[in-house]
Amino acid sequence: GVCTNCGHQLPKMAMSDEDFEYLKKAVFDKALVAENIYYKTTPKELNRFNRFIQAVKPFDIVVDGLNIEYSLCKTKSKNVTGGK
């Protein structure tokens, strides 16, 4: 792919089906379900999310906008406070 912002050619990455399945399971188990799914979501909401993923796949990349914004805010805060 090519970056639409700067035009830089992005390097291709190759991932085996086995590695992809391992990564997919790890993300689902740790990020989405975690130790107690009910702290983060409900069974109904998780099922709805899974149906959405199945309906609109495949994906090249998934971006978690809320965590990106949170990370950016933490970085900006450190810059303002001198890293404290």
PDB file of N, CA and C in Angstrom:
ATOM      1  N   GLY A   1       0.810  -1.177   0.000  1.00  0.00           N
ATOM      2  CA  GLY A   1       0.000   0.000   0.000  1.00  0.00           C
ATOM      3  C   GLY A   1       0.861   1.250   0.000  1.00  0.00           C
ATOM      4  N   VAL A   2       0.205   2.335  -0.268  1.00  0.00           N
ATOM      5  CA  VAL A   2       0.853   3.640  -0.303  1.00  0.00           C
ATOM      6  C   VAL A   2       0.168   4.541   0.713  1.00  0.00           C
ATOM      7  N   CYS A   3       0.959   5.256   1.513  1.00  0.00           N
ATOM      8  CA  CYS A   3       0.413   6.201   2.479  1.00  0.00           C
ATOM      9  C   CYS A   3      -0.286   7.319   1.716  1.00  0.00           C
ATOM     10  N   THR A   4      -1.547   7.562   2.029  1.00  0.00           N
ATOM     11  CA  THR A   4      -2.294   8.613   1.341  1.00  0.00           C
ATOM     12  C   THR A   4      -1.877   9.999   1.799  1.00  0.00           C
ATOM     13  N   ASN A   5      -1.155  10.080   2.899  1.00  0.00           N
ATOM     14  CA  ASN A   5      -0.713  11.375   3.413  1.00  0.00           C
ATOM     15  C   ASN A   5       0.596  11.826   2.766  1.00  0.00           C
ATOM     16  N   CYS A   6       1.617  10.953   2.775  1.00  0.00           N
ATOM     17  CA  CYS A   6       2.945  11.355   2.279  1.00  0.00           C
ATOM     18  C   CYS A   6       3.351  10.672   0.981  1.00  0.00           C
ATOM     19  N   GLY A   7       2.587   9.660   0.537  1.00  0.00           N
ATOM     20  CA  GLY A   7       2.904   8.969  -0.700  1.00  0.00           C
ATOM     21  C   GLY A   7       3.975   7.899  -0.569  1.00  0.00           C
ATOM     22  N   HIS A   8       4.452   7.632   0.642  1.00  0.00           N
ATOM     23  CA  HIS A   8       5.499   6.630   0.880  1.00  0.00           C
ATOM     24  C   HIS A   8       4.952   5.229   0.627  1.00  0.00           C
ATOM     25  N   GLN A   9       5.734   4.425  -0.071  1.00  0.00           N
ATOM     26  CA  GLN A   9       5.365   3.033  -0.303  1.00  0.00           C
ATOM     27  C   GLN A   9       5.576   2.242   0.982  1.00  0.00           C
ATOM     28  N   LEU A  10       4.530   1.632   1.484  1.00  0.00           N
ATOM     29  CA  LEU A  10       4.616   0.854   2.711  1.00  0.00           C
ATOM     30  C   LEU A  10       5.099  -0.557   2.389  1.00  0.00           C
ATOM     31  N   PRO A  11       5.991  -1.096   3.214  1.00  0.00           N
ATOM     32  CA  PRO A  11       6.490  -2.451   2.943  1.00  0.00           C
ATOM     33  C   PRO A  11       5.398  -3.487   3.169  1.00  0.00           C
ATOM     34  N   LYS A  12       5.437  -4.533   2.350  1.00  0.00           N
ATOM     35  CA  LYS A  12       4.471  -5.618   2.508  1.00  0.00           C
ATOM     36  C   LYS A  12       4.902  -6.508   3.657  1.00  0.00           C
ATOM     37  N   MET A  13       3.913  -6.971   4.400  1.00  0.00           N
ATOM     38  CA  MET A  13       4.170  -7.910   5.490  1.00  0.00           C
ATOM     39  C   MET A  13       3.522  -9.236   5.132  1.00  0.00           C
ATOM     40  N   ALA A  14       4.220 -10.295   5.376  1.00  0.00           N
ATOM     41  CA  ALA A  14       3.664 -11.625   5.148  1.00  0.00           C
ATOM     42  C   ALA A  14       3.427 -12.283   6.496  1.00  0.00           C
ATOM     43  N   MET A  15       2.247 -12.859   6.652  1.00  0.00           N
ATOM     44  CA  MET A  15       1.906 -13.555   7.892  1.00  0.00           C
ATOM     45  C   MET A  15       1.223 -14.856   7.515  1.00  0.00           C
ATOM     46  N   SER A  16       1.676 -15.926   8.096  1.00  0.00           N
ATOM     47  CA  SER A  16       1.061 -17.223   7.808  1.00  0.00           C
ATOM     48  C   SER A  16      -0.348 -17.256   8.390  1.00  0.00           C
ATOM     49  N   ASP A  17      -1.176 -18.137   7.848  1.00  0.00           N
ATOM     50  CA  ASP A  17      -2.530 -18.305   8.373  1.00  0.00           C
ATOM     51  C   ASP A  17      -2.488 -18.714   9.840  1.00  0.00           C
ATOM     52  N   GLU A  18      -1.517 -19.554  10.179  1.00  0.00           N
ATOM     53  CA  GLU A  18      -1.372 -20.011  11.566  1.00  0.00           C
ATOM     54  C   GLU A  18      -1.056 -18.836  12.496  1.00  0.00           C
ATOM     55  N   ASP A  19      -0.119 -17.974  12.087  1.00  0.00           N
ATOM     56  CA  ASP A  19       0.223 -16.799  12.895  1.00  0.00           C
ATOM     57  C   ASP A  19      -0.960 -15.842  13.008  1.00  0.00           C
ATOM     58  N   PHE A  20      -1.691 -15.678  11.905  1.00  0.00           N
ATOM     59  CA  PHE A  20      -2.848 -14.789  11.923  1.00  0.00           C
ATOM     60  C   PHE A  20      -3.906 -15.295  12.896  1.00  0.00           C
ATOM     61  N   GLU A  21      -4.190 -16.588  12.861  1.00  0.00           N
ATOM     62  CA  GLU A  21      -5.187 -17.160  13.773  1.00  0.00           C
ATOM     63  C   GLU A  21      -4.744 -17.011  15.228  1.00  0.00           C
ATOM     64  N   TYR A  22      -3.453 -17.203  15.487  1.00  0.00           N
ATOM     65  CA  TYR A  22      -2.913 -17.033  16.835  1.00  0.00           C
ATOM     66  C   TYR A  22      -3.100 -15.588  17.300  1.00  0.00           C
ATOM     67  N   LEU A  23      -2.756 -14.638  16.440  1.00  0.00           N
ATOM     68  CA  LEU A  23      -2.901 -13.223  16.772  1.00  0.00           C
ATOM     69  C   LEU A  23      -4.363 -12.858  16.990  1.00  0.00           C
ATOM     70  N   LYS A  24      -5.237 -13.339  16.127  1.00  0.00           N
ATOM     71  CA  LYS A  24      -6.665 -13.051  16.245  1.00  0.00           C
ATOM     72  C   LYS A  24      -7.214 -13.565  17.574  1.00  0.00           C
ATOM     73  N   LYS A  25      -6.847 -14.789  17.930  1.00  0.00           N
ATOM     74  CA  LYS A  25      -7.327 -15.364  19.190  1.00  0.00           C
ATOM     75  C   LYS A  25      -6.777 -14.589  20.383  1.00  0.00           C
ATOM     76  N   ALA A  26      -5.503 -14.208  20.328  1.00  0.00           N
ATOM     77  CA  ALA A  26      -4.895 -13.464  21.436  1.00  0.00           C
ATOM     78  C   ALA A  26      -5.576 -12.121  21.632  1.00  0.00           C
ATOM     79  N   VAL A  27      -5.847 -11.419  20.544  1.00  0.00           N
ATOM     80  CA  VAL A  27      -6.522 -10.118  20.647  1.00  0.00           C
ATOM     81  C   VAL A  27      -7.922 -10.304  21.203  1.00  0.00           C
ATOM     82  N   PHE A  28      -8.650 -11.271  20.678  1.00  0.00           N
ATOM     83  CA  PHE A  28     -10.011 -11.501  21.150  1.00  0.00           C
ATOM     84  C   PHE A  28     -10.030 -11.887  22.625  1.00  0.00           C
ATOM     85  N   ASP A  29      -9.168 -12.825  23.005  1.00  0.00           N
ATOM     86  CA  ASP A  29      -9.166 -13.311  24.385  1.00  0.00           C
ATOM     87  C   ASP A  29      -8.705 -12.256  25.384  1.00  0.00           C
ATOM     88  N   LYS A  30      -7.692 -11.490  25.033  1.00  0.00           N
ATOM     89  CA  LYS A  30      -7.116 -10.529  25.986  1.00  0.00           C
ATOM     90  C   LYS A  30      -7.781  -9.160  25.920  1.00  0.00           C
ATOM     91  N   ALA A  31      -7.974  -8.650  24.734  1.00  0.00           N
ATOM     92  CA  ALA A  31      -8.471  -7.280  24.598  1.00  0.00           C
ATOM     93  C   ALA A  31      -9.983  -7.192  24.690  1.00  0.00           C
ATOM     94  N   LEU A  32     -10.673  -8.165  24.126  1.00  0.00           N
ATOM     95  CA  LEU A  32     -12.122  -8.061  24.091  1.00  0.00           C
ATOM     96  C   LEU A  32     -12.796  -8.780  25.246  1.00  0.00           C
ATOM     97  N   VAL A  33     -12.353  -9.969  25.557  1.00  0.00           N
ATOM     98  CA  VAL A  33     -13.022 -10.752  26.588  1.00  0.00           C
ATOM     99  C   VAL A  33     -12.340 -10.579  27.937  1.00  0.00           C
ATOM    100  N   ALA A  34     -11.036 -10.653  27.978  1.00  0.00           N
ATOM    101  CA  ALA A  34     -10.246 -10.509  29.204  1.00  0.00           C
ATOM    102  C   ALA A  34     -10.686 -11.531  30.243  1.00  0.00           C
ATOM    103  N   GLU A  35     -10.401 -11.235  31.517  1.00  0.00           N
ATOM    104  CA  GLU A  35     -10.713 -12.204  32.568  1.00  0.00           C
ATOM    105  C   GLU A  35     -12.203 -12.263  32.865  1.00  0.00           C
ATOM    106  N   ASN A  36     -12.850 -11.135  32.895  1.00  0.00           N
ATOM    107  CA  ASN A  36     -14.281 -11.105  33.172  1.00  0.00           C
ATOM    108  C   ASN A  36     -14.953 -10.204  32.156  1.00  0.00           C
ATOM    109  N   ILE A  37     -15.554 -10.824  31.168  1.00  0.00           N
ATOM    110  CA  ILE A  37     -16.179 -10.077  30.077  1.00  0.00           C
ATOM    111  C   ILE A  37     -17.212  -9.075  30.582  1.00  0.00           C
ATOM    112  N   TYR A  38     -17.858  -9.363  31.686  1.00  0.00           N
ATOM    113  CA  TYR A  38     -18.955  -8.517  32.140  1.00  0.00           C
ATOM    114  C   TYR A  38     -18.491  -7.197  32.732  1.00  0.00           C
ATOM    115  N   TYR A  39     -17.186  -7.035  32.961  1.00  0.00           N
ATOM    116  CA  TYR A  39     -16.667  -5.733  33.368  1.00  0.00           C
ATOM    117  C   TYR A  39     -16.659  -4.764  32.198  1.00  0.00           C
ATOM    118  N   LYS A  40     -16.552  -5.305  30.979  1.00  0.00           N
ATOM    119  CA  LYS A  40     -16.375  -4.462  29.803  1.00  0.00           C
ATOM    120  C   LYS A  40     -17.583  -4.426  28.887  1.00  0.00           C
ATOM    121  N   THR A  41     -18.395  -5.468  28.875  1.00  0.00           N
ATOM    122  CA  THR A  41     -19.493  -5.554  27.927  1.00  0.00           C
ATOM    123  C   THR A  41     -20.528  -6.549  28.439  1.00  0.00           C
ATOM    124  N   THR A  42     -21.536  -6.772  27.644  1.00  0.00           N
ATOM    125  CA  THR A  42     -22.551  -7.780  27.956  1.00  0.00           C
ATOM    126  C   THR A  42     -22.467  -8.870  26.891  1.00  0.00           C
ATOM    127  N   PRO A  43     -22.988 -10.060  27.176  1.00  0.00           N
ATOM    128  CA  PRO A  43     -22.980 -11.105  26.145  1.00  0.00           C
ATOM    129  C   PRO A  43     -23.697 -10.656  24.868  1.00  0.00           C
ATOM    130  N   LYS A  44     -24.788  -9.930  25.016  1.00  0.00           N
ATOM    131  CA  LYS A  44     -25.536  -9.449  23.849  1.00  0.00           C
ATOM    132  C   LYS A  44     -24.678  -8.499  23.009  1.00  0.00           C
ATOM    133  N   GLU A  45     -23.987  -7.582  23.671  1.00  0.00           N
ATOM    134  CA  GLU A  45     -23.139  -6.632  22.953  1.00  0.00           C
ATOM    135  C   GLU A  45     -21.979  -7.344  22.257  1.00  0.00           C
ATOM    136  N   LEU A  46     -21.362  -8.317  22.920  1.00  0.00           N
ATOM    137  CA  LEU A  46     -20.259  -9.064  22.320  1.00  0.00           C
ATOM    138  C   LEU A  46     -20.735  -9.853  21.105  1.00  0.00           C
ATOM    139  N   ASN A  47     -21.895 -10.476  21.194  1.00  0.00           N
ATOM    140  CA  ASN A  47     -22.448 -11.206  20.049  1.00  0.00           C
ATOM    141  C   ASN A  47     -22.736 -10.262  18.888  1.00  0.00           C
ATOM    142  N   ARG A  48     -23.268  -9.089  19.182  1.00  0.00           N
ATOM    143  CA  ARG A  48     -23.540  -8.097  18.139  1.00  0.00           C
ATOM    144  C   ARG A  48     -22.233  -7.659  17.470  1.00  0.00           C
ATOM    145  N   PHE A  49     -21.188  -7.449  18.269  1.00  0.00           N
ATOM    146  CA  PHE A  49     -19.885  -7.073  17.725  1.00  0.00           C
ATOM    147  C   PHE A  49     -19.336  -8.177  16.827  1.00  0.00           C
ATOM    148  N   ASN A  50     -19.422  -9.424  17.272  1.00  0.00           N
ATOM    149  CA  ASN A  50     -18.939 -10.550  16.461  1.00  0.00           C
ATOM    150  C   ASN A  50     -19.698 -10.656  15.141  1.00  0.00           C
ATOM    151  N   ARG A  51     -21.010 -10.442  15.163  1.00  0.00           N
ATOM    152  CA  ARG A  51     -21.798 -10.474  13.923  1.00  0.00           C
ATOM    153  C   ARG A  51     -21.365  -9.345  12.986  1.00  0.00           C
ATOM    154  N   PHE A  52     -21.090  -8.167  13.552  1.00  0.00           N
ATOM    155  CA  PHE A  52     -20.620  -7.036  12.754  1.00  0.00           C
ATOM    156  C   PHE A  52     -19.295  -7.377  12.078  1.00  0.00           C
ATOM    157  N   ILE A  53     -18.355  -7.926  12.836  1.00  0.00           N
ATOM    158  CA  ILE A  53     -17.045  -8.288  12.290  1.00  0.00           C
ATOM    159  C   ILE A  53     -17.203  -9.288  11.151  1.00  0.00           C
ATOM    160  N   GLN A  54     -18.036 -10.291  11.341  1.00  0.00           N
ATOM    161  CA  GLN A  54     -18.246 -11.303  10.304  1.00  0.00           C
ATOM    162  C   GLN A  54     -18.897 -10.703   9.058  1.00  0.00           C
ATOM    163  N   ALA A  55     -19.773  -9.721   9.243  1.00  0.00           N
ATOM    164  CA  ALA A  55     -20.495  -9.125   8.116  1.00  0.00           C
ATOM    165  C   ALA A  55     -19.626  -8.203   7.273  1.00  0.00           C
ATOM    166  N   VAL A  56     -18.662  -7.533   7.873  1.00  0.00           N
ATOM    167  CA  VAL A  56     -17.897  -6.518   7.136  1.00  0.00           C
ATOM    168  C   VAL A  56     -16.441  -6.899   6.884  1.00  0.00           C
ATOM    169  N   LYS A  57     -16.011  -8.094   7.301  1.00  0.00           N
ATOM    170  CA  LYS A  57     -14.619  -8.493   7.078  1.00  0.00           C
ATOM    171  C   LYS A  57     -14.356  -8.652   5.595  1.00  0.00           C
ATOM    172  N   PRO A  58     -13.158  -8.673   5.110  1.00  0.00           N
ATOM    173  CA  PRO A  58     -11.901  -8.703   5.837  1.00  0.00           C
ATOM    174  C   PRO A  58     -11.379  -7.302   6.134  1.00  0.00           C
ATOM    175  N   PHE A  59     -10.474  -7.238   7.079  1.00  0.00           N
ATOM    176  CA  PHE A  59      -9.838  -5.988   7.464  1.00  0.00           C
ATOM    177  C   PHE A  59      -8.347  -6.073   7.186  1.00  0.00           C
ATOM    178  N   ASP A  60      -7.761  -4.948   6.817  1.00  0.00           N
ATOM    179  CA  ASP A  60      -6.306  -4.861   6.729  1.00  0.00           C
ATOM    180  C   ASP A  60      -5.740  -4.387   8.053  1.00  0.00           C
ATOM    181  N   ILE A  61      -6.475  -3.501   8.702  1.00  0.00           N
ATOM    182  CA  ILE A  61      -6.005  -2.915   9.957  1.00  0.00           C
ATOM    183  C   ILE A  61      -7.214  -2.429  10.745  1.00  0.00           C
ATOM    184  N   VAL A  62      -7.099  -2.473  12.056  1.00  0.00           N
ATOM    185  CA  VAL A  62      -8.133  -1.940  12.936  1.00  0.00           C
ATOM    186  C   VAL A  62      -7.472  -0.899  13.819  1.00  0.00           C
ATOM    187  N   VAL A  63      -8.064   0.278  13.880  1.00  0.00           N
ATOM    188  CA  VAL A  63      -7.518   1.369  14.675  1.00  0.00           C
ATOM    189  C   VAL A  63      -8.479   1.659  15.815  1.00  0.00           C
ATOM    190  N   ASP A  64      -7.964   1.645  17.030  1.00  0.00           N
ATOM    191  CA  ASP A  64      -8.750   1.947  18.221  1.00  0.00           C
ATOM    192  C   ASP A  64      -8.598   3.436  18.514  1.00  0.00           C
ATOM    193  N   GLY A  65      -9.512   4.225  17.985  1.00  0.00           N
ATOM    194  CA  GLY A  65      -9.413   5.677  18.082  1.00  0.00           C
ATOM    195  C   GLY A  65      -9.391   6.215  19.494  1.00  0.00           C
ATOM    196  N   LEU A  66     -10.174   5.638  20.387  1.00  0.00           N
ATOM    197  CA  LEU A  66     -10.209   6.141  21.762  1.00  0.00           C
ATOM    198  C   LEU A  66      -8.870   5.959  22.459  1.00  0.00           C
ATOM    199  N   ASN A  67      -8.242   4.807  22.284  1.00  0.00           N
ATOM    200  CA  ASN A  67      -6.939   4.594  22.919  1.00  0.00           C
ATOM    201  C   ASN A  67      -5.836   5.413  22.263  1.00  0.00           C
ATOM    202  N   ILE A  68      -5.944   5.670  20.976  1.00  0.00           N
ATOM    203  CA  ILE A  68      -4.971   6.549  20.325  1.00  0.00           C
ATOM    204  C   ILE A  68      -5.088   7.950  20.903  1.00  0.00           C
ATOM    205  N   GLU A  69      -6.303   8.457  21.010  1.00  0.00           N
ATOM    206  CA  GLU A  69      -6.509   9.799  21.581  1.00  0.00           C
ATOM    207  C   GLU A  69      -6.005   9.849  23.018  1.00  0.00           C
ATOM    208  N   TYR A  70      -6.296   8.810  23.795  1.00  0.00           N
ATOM    209  CA  TYR A  70      -5.823   8.751  25.176  1.00  0.00           C
ATOM    210  C   TYR A  70      -4.297   8.807  25.225  1.00  0.00           C
ATOM    211  N   SER A  71      -3.646   8.033  24.358  1.00  0.00           N
ATOM    212  CA  SER A  71      -2.182   8.031  24.313  1.00  0.00           C
ATOM    213  C   SER A  71      -1.643   9.393  23.919  1.00  0.00           C
ATOM    214  N   LEU A  72      -2.279  10.031  22.946  1.00  0.00           N
ATOM    215  CA  LEU A  72      -1.835  11.354  22.515  1.00  0.00           C
ATOM    216  C   LEU A  72      -1.998  12.370  23.635  1.00  0.00           C
ATOM    217  N   CYS A  73      -3.098  12.290  24.356  1.00  0.00           N
ATOM    218  CA  CYS A  73      -3.329  13.225  25.466  1.00  0.00           C
ATOM    219  C   CYS A  73      -2.292  13.021  26.563  1.00  0.00           C
ATOM    220  N   LYS A  74      -1.939  11.771  26.855  1.00  0.00           N
ATOM    221  CA  LYS A  74      -0.917  11.505  27.869  1.00  0.00           C
ATOM    222  C   LYS A  74       0.423  12.077  27.428  1.00  0.00           C
ATOM    223  N   THR A  75       0.746  11.932  26.140  1.00  0.00           N
ATOM    224  CA  THR A  75       2.010  12.454  25.619  1.00  0.00           C
ATOM    225  C   THR A  75       2.031  13.972  25.702  1.00  0.00           C
ATOM    226  N   LYS A  76       0.929  14.613  25.304  1.00  0.00           N
ATOM    227  CA  LYS A  76       0.848  16.075  25.364  1.00  0.00           C
ATOM    228  C   LYS A  76       0.973  16.551  26.800  1.00  0.00           C
ATOM    229  N   SER A  77       0.331  15.828  27.726  1.00  0.00           N
ATOM    230  CA  SER A  77       0.383  16.197  29.139  1.00  0.00           C
ATOM    231  C   SER A  77       1.808  16.116  29.659  1.00  0.00           C
ATOM    232  N   LYS A  78       2.550  15.060  29.273  1.00  0.00           N
ATOM    233  CA  LYS A  78       3.942  14.915  29.710  1.00  0.00           C
ATOM    234  C   LYS A  78       4.796  16.052  29.167  1.00  0.00           C
ATOM    235  N   ASN A  79       4.528  16.454  27.918  1.00  0.00           N
ATOM    236  CA  ASN A  79       5.297  17.543  27.325  1.00  0.00           C
ATOM    237  C   ASN A  79       5.041  18.857  28.056  1.00  0.00           C
ATOM    238  N   VAL A  80       3.800  19.080  28.473  1.00  0.00           N
ATOM    239  CA  VAL A  80       3.442  20.314  29.165  1.00  0.00           C
ATOM    240  C   VAL A  80       4.009  20.332  30.574  1.00  0.00           C
ATOM    241  N   THR A  81       3.980  19.175  31.248  1.00  0.00           N
ATOM    242  CA  THR A  81       4.422  19.113  32.642  1.00  0.00           C
ATOM    243  C   THR A  81       5.889  18.735  32.777  1.00  0.00           C
ATOM    244  N   GLY A  82       6.591  18.611  31.692  1.00  0.00           N
ATOM    245  CA  GLY A  82       8.005  18.243  31.759  1.00  0.00           C
ATOM    246  C   GLY A  82       8.228  16.774  32.028  1.00  0.00           C
ATOM    247  N   GLY A  83       7.247  15.932  31.652  1.00  0.00           N
ATOM    248  CA  GLY A  83       7.420  14.491  31.793  1.00  0.00           C
ATOM    249  C   GLY A  83       6.997  13.940  33.133  1.00  0.00           C
ATOM    250  N   LYS A  84       6.342  14.732  33.946  1.00  0.00           N
ATOM    251  CA  LYS A  84       5.918  14.239  35.269  1.00  0.00           C
ATOM    252  C   LYS A  84       4.477  13.819  35.236  1.00  0.00           C
TER     253      LYS A  84
END
